[in-house]
Each structure stands twice: as structure tokens, then as C-alpha cells.
C-alpha atoms as a PDB file:
ATOM      1  CA  MET A   1     106.755 103.269  89.380  1.00  0.00           C
ATOM      2  CA  SER A   2     104.399 101.331  87.121  1.00  0.00           C
ATOM      3  CA  GLU A   3     101.891  98.885  88.540  1.00  0.00           C
ATOM      4  CA  LEU A   4     103.999  95.950  87.304  1.00  0.00           C
ATOM      5  CA  GLY A   5     107.122  97.540  88.780  1.00  0.00           C
ATOM      6  CA  ASP A   6     105.383  97.995  92.117  1.00  0.00           C
ATOM      7  CA  GLN A   7     104.113  94.402  92.096  1.00  0.00           C
ATOM      8  CA  ARG A   8     107.566  93.056  91.318  1.00  0.00           C
ATOM      9  CA  HIS A   9     109.135  95.215  94.026  1.00  0.00           C
ATOM     10  CA  ARG A  10     106.735  93.734  96.581  1.00  0.00           C
ATOM     11  CA  ALA A  11     107.483  90.252  95.184  1.00  0.00           C
ATOM     12  CA  ARG A  12     111.213  90.848  95.667  1.00  0.00           C
ATOM     13  CA  GLU A  13     110.599  91.987  99.244  1.00  0.00           C
ATOM     14  CA  ARG A  14     108.554  88.865  99.928  1.00  0.00           C
ATOM     15  CA  ALA A  15     111.182  86.611  98.354  1.00  0.00           C
ATOM     16  CA  LEU A  16     113.838  88.270 100.519  1.00  0.00           C
ATOM     17  CA  GLU A  17     111.720  87.697 103.639  1.00  0.00           C
ATOM     18  CA  VAL A  18     111.230  84.002 102.830  1.00  0.00           C
ATOM     19  CA  ALA A  19     114.896  83.500 101.945  1.00  0.00           C
ATOM     20  CA  TYR A  20     115.908  85.238 105.182  1.00  0.00           C
ATOM     21  CA  GLU A  21     113.587  83.041 107.255  1.00  0.00           C
ATOM     22  CA  ALA A  22     114.898  79.899 105.545  1.00  0.00           C
ATOM     23  CA  SER A  23     118.495  80.977 106.196  1.00  0.00           C
ATOM     24  CA  ILE A  24     117.921  81.868 109.839  1.00  0.00           C
ATOM     25  CA  LYS A  25     116.042  78.630 110.514  1.00  0.00           C
ATOM     26  CA  GLU A  26     118.506  76.601 108.394  1.00  0.00           C
ATOM     27  CA  ARG A  27     115.619  75.111 106.442  1.00  0.00           C
ATOM     28  CA  SER A  28     114.805  74.777 102.774  1.00  0.00           C
ATOM     29  CA  ILE A  29     112.876  77.499 101.022  1.00  0.00           C
ATOM     30  CA  ASP A  30     110.219  74.952 100.028  1.00  0.00           C
ATOM     31  CA  SER A  31     109.595  73.972 103.654  1.00  0.00           C
ATOM     32  CA  VAL A  32     109.235  77.621 104.720  1.00  0.00           C
ATOM     33  CA  VAL A  33     106.883  78.402 101.823  1.00  0.00           C
ATOM     34  CA  GLY A  34     104.869  75.262 102.584  1.00  0.00           C
ATOM     35  CA  GLU A  35     104.177  76.457 106.127  1.00  0.00           C
ATOM     36  CA  LEU A  36     103.132  80.004 105.249  1.00  0.00           C
ATOM     37  CA  PRO A  37      99.480  80.812 105.927  1.00  0.00           C
ATOM     38  CA  LEU A  38      99.348  82.761 102.651  1.00  0.00           C
ATOM     39  CA  ALA A  39     101.400  81.597  99.689  1.00  0.00           C
ATOM     40  CA  PRO A  40     103.650  84.221  98.076  1.00  0.00           C
ATOM     41  CA  ASP A  41     102.664  85.602  94.676  1.00  0.00           C
ATOM     42  CA  PRO A  42     103.849  83.801  91.524  1.00  0.00           C
ATOM     43  CA  TYR A  43     106.787  86.163  90.886  1.00  0.00           C
ATOM     44  CA  SER A  44     108.086  85.639  94.435  1.00  0.00           C
ATOM     45  CA  ILE A  45     107.846  81.888  93.901  1.00  0.00           C
ATOM     46  CA  ALA A  46     109.719  82.199  90.586  1.00  0.00           C
ATOM     47  CA  LEU A  47     112.448  84.288  92.277  1.00  0.00           C
ATOM     48  CA  LEU A  48     112.797  81.724  95.052  1.00  0.00           C
ATOM     49  CA  ALA A  49     112.981  78.887  92.512  1.00  0.00           C
ATOM     50  CA  SER A  50     115.733  80.739  90.656  1.00  0.00           C
ATOM     51  CA  LEU A  51     117.491  81.312  93.972  1.00  0.00           C
ATOM     52  CA  ASP A  52     117.411  77.581  94.703  1.00  0.00           C
ATOM     53  CA  GLU A  53     118.650  76.745  91.212  1.00  0.00           C
ATOM     54  CA  HIS A  54     121.414  79.348  90.874  1.00  0.00           C
ATOM     55  CA  ARG A  55     122.500  80.012  94.469  1.00  0.00           C
ATOM     56  CA  GLU A  56     125.972  78.480  94.141  1.00  0.00           C
ATOM     57  CA  TRP A  57     126.662  80.242  90.845  1.00  0.00           C
ATOM     58  CA  ALA A  58     125.679  83.584  92.438  1.00  0.00           C
ATOM     59  CA  ARG A  59     127.777  82.859  95.531  1.00  0.00           C
ATOM     60  CA  GLU A  60     130.874  82.197  93.428  1.00  0.00           C
ATOM     61  CA  LEU A  61     130.295  85.349  91.365  1.00  0.00           C
ATOM     62  CA  ILE A  62     129.840  87.467  94.503  1.00  0.00           C
ATOM     63  CA  ILE A  63     133.029  86.035  96.037  1.00  0.00           C
ATOM     64  CA  GLU A  64     134.921  86.802  92.832  1.00  0.00           C
ATOM     65  CA  HIS A  65     133.740  90.434  92.737  1.00  0.00           C
ATOM     66  CA  SER A  66     133.664  91.380  96.433  1.00  0.00           C
ATOM     67  CA  MET A  67     137.290  92.293  96.852  1.00  0.00           C
ATOM     68  CA  ASP A  68     138.712  91.635 100.309  1.00  0.00           C
ATOM     69  CA  TRP A  69     135.354  90.462 101.718  1.00  0.00           C
ATOM     70  CA  GLN A  70     134.747  86.920 102.889  1.00  0.00           C
ATOM     71  CA  PHE A  71     131.279  85.819 101.823  1.00  0.00           C
ATOM     72  CA  GLU A  72     130.375  84.396 105.230  1.00  0.00           C
ATOM     73  CA  ARG A  73     131.390  87.655 106.948  1.00  0.00           C
ATOM     74  CA  MET A  74     129.033  89.795 104.866  1.00  0.00           C
ATOM     75  CA  PRO A  75     125.720  90.646 106.533  1.00  0.00           C
ATOM     76  CA  LEU A  76     123.135  87.966 105.748  1.00  0.00           C
ATOM     77  CA  VAL A  77     120.679  90.470 104.296  1.00  0.00           C
ATOM     78  CA  ASP A  78     123.344  91.850 101.941  1.00  0.00           C
ATOM     79  CA  ARG A  79     124.247  88.336 100.775  1.00  0.00           C
ATOM     80  CA  LEU A  80     120.610  87.506 100.154  1.00  0.00           C
ATOM     81  CA  VAL A  81     119.863  90.777  98.339  1.00  0.00           C
ATOM     82  CA  MET A  82     122.849  90.303  96.037  1.00  0.00           C
ATOM     83  CA  THR A  83     122.090  86.629  95.462  1.00  0.00           C
ATOM     84  CA  LEU A  84     118.437  87.349  94.653  1.00  0.00           C
ATOM     85  CA  ALA A  85     119.414  90.067  92.171  1.00  0.00           C
ATOM     86  CA  LEU A  86     121.856  87.780  90.389  1.00  0.00           C
ATOM     87  CA  CYS A  87     119.447  84.852  90.381  1.00  0.00           C
ATOM     88  CA  GLU A  88     116.709  87.092  88.987  1.00  0.00           C
ATOM     89  CA  ALA A  89     119.090  87.934  86.137  1.00  0.00           C
ATOM     90  CA  ARG A  90     119.081  84.227  85.236  1.00  0.00           C
ATOM     91  CA  MET A  91     115.279  84.101  84.888  1.00  0.00           C
ATOM     92  CA  ALA A  92     113.755  83.864  81.420  1.00  0.00           C
ATOM     93  CA  ASP A  93     111.811  87.117  81.852  1.00  0.00           C
ATOM     94  CA  ALA A  94     114.567  88.983  83.716  1.00  0.00           C
ATOM     95  CA  PRO A  95     114.271  92.757  83.840  1.00  0.00           C
ATOM     96  CA  PRO A  96     117.053  94.967  82.446  1.00  0.00           C
ATOM     97  CA  LYS A  97     120.351  95.156  84.311  1.00  0.00           C
ATOM     98  CA  ALA A  98     119.587  98.707  85.534  1.00  0.00           C
ATOM     99  CA  VAL A  99     116.345  97.514  87.152  1.00  0.00           C
ATOM    100  CA  LEU A 100     118.085  94.584  88.845  1.00  0.00           C
ATOM    101  CA  LEU A 101     120.735  96.892  90.243  1.00  0.00           C
ATOM    102  CA  ASP A 102     118.277  99.576  91.361  1.00  0.00           C
ATOM    103  CA  GLU A 103     116.047  97.040  93.101  1.00  0.00           C
ATOM    104  CA  ALA A 104     118.997  95.452  94.910  1.00  0.00           C
ATOM    105  CA  VAL A 105     120.111  98.861  96.167  1.00  0.00           C
ATOM    106  CA  GLU A 106     116.562  99.744  97.269  1.00  0.00           C
ATOM    107  CA  LEU A 107     116.239  96.477  99.205  1.00  0.00           C
ATOM    108  CA  ALA A 108     119.601  97.127 100.861  1.00  0.00           C
ATOM    109  CA  LYS A 109     118.470 100.667 101.806  1.00  0.00           C
ATOM    110  CA  THR A 110     115.287  99.335 103.364  1.00  0.00           C
ATOM    111  CA  TYR A 111     116.479  96.171 105.061  1.00  0.00           C
ATOM    112  CA  SER A 112     120.189  96.520 105.805  1.00  0.00           C
ATOM    113  CA  THR A 113     122.805  98.890 107.202  1.00  0.00           C
ATOM    114  CA  ASP A 114     123.673 102.434 106.118  1.00  0.00           C
ATOM    115  CA  GLY A 115     126.764 101.222 104.281  1.00  0.00           C
ATOM    116  CA  SER A 116     125.000  98.352 102.539  1.00  0.00           C
ATOM    117  CA  PRO A 117     123.500 100.179  99.537  1.00  0.00           C
ATOM    118  CA  GLY A 118     126.924 101.280  98.288  1.00  0.00           C
ATOM    119  CA  PHE A 119     128.444  97.858  98.908  1.00  0.00           C
ATOM    120  CA  VAL A 120     125.556  96.047  97.211  1.00  0.00           C
ATOM    121  CA  ASN A 121     125.680  98.498  94.301  1.00  0.00           C
ATOM    122  CA  GLY A 122     129.387  97.929  93.721  1.00  0.00           C
ATOM    123  CA  VAL A 123     129.322  94.155  93.973  1.00  0.00           C
ATOM    124  CA  VAL A 124     126.113  93.557  92.003  1.00  0.00           C
ATOM    125  CA  SER A 125     127.175  96.021  89.325  1.00  0.00           C
ATOM    126  CA  SER A 126     130.501  94.218  88.870  1.00  0.00           C
ATOM    127  CA  CYS A 127     128.861  90.797  88.912  1.00  0.00           C
ATOM    128  CA  LEU A 128     126.210  91.735  86.348  1.00  0.00           C
ATOM    129  CA  ALA A 129     128.749  93.386  84.062  1.00  0.00           C
ATOM    130  CA  ALA A 130     130.949  90.279  84.148  1.00  0.00           C
ATOM    131  CA  TRP A 131     128.035  87.886  83.629  1.00  0.00           C
ATOM    132  CA  TYR A 132     126.437  89.856  80.770  1.00  0.00           C
ATOM    133  CA  GLU A 133     129.853  90.114  79.137  1.00  0.00           C
ATOM    134  CA  GLN A 134     130.142  86.306  79.189  1.00  0.00           C
ATOM    135  CA  ALA A 135     126.566  85.662  78.026  1.00  0.00           C
END
């Protein structure tokens, strides 16, 4: 992995951690970030801003493409990983679709259940294909 790729991977991990903490504590992302002893790097902040801006759009897209799964019944980490990947796709400097998908699967492998990588791969792949087709 390139140095930029490694930095962005760590930024995605940090964004996932902050989003998870905000979800668990039922607080805004801004309030969680504001209380951190060390501010996240700029790419993590940009990811979290995109998450705040596009969360509902991503939720609707995930619901549409996650056949027979209720959004609220999906593991929280899986929902956040998928939402972050889709929201990153909406950023001005978004990486290619293959990178978004690979990173989502890697985060699911690291932070979620054994079955999560395949689930995340299927849903995010379908969502990205549908969104890029519309764009």
C-alpha cells in the first residue's frame, strides 16, 4: 500500500471509531470530536463531515440494496462501515469505486463479524453500482 493509501486507511479507521462512539453515546459527531484529546487528521474530519451530510442518502441506498435485511437489525459496525464508504464516494476527491469497496471490506474484516465482509461487499458493491449508474 502506498503512503497515501496507508494514511487514508488509518483515517477511515479513525472516522469509524468516532462514528461508532457518537452512535453508542447517541451524540453528534461534532460533540465527540470536540471532546477528543487529539483531533483526528484532516481526512478523517472530511469523512465525518461527509457522513453527517449524506447519512440519510446512504441509509436509503443501503435499505434499497440490502435484500431482506432491516437496517436497524444490521450490526452497528456494518451499518457504519457501509455508510462511511458510500459517503466517501460523495466526496469531491473520492477514490475509485474499487478502493471504496476494498476498504469497506477490510474494515468489516477487522472490526466486525466473520460474515460481515461478504455482506458488506455485496451491499456496498450494489449501492455503488447503482449510484455511479445514476451519476
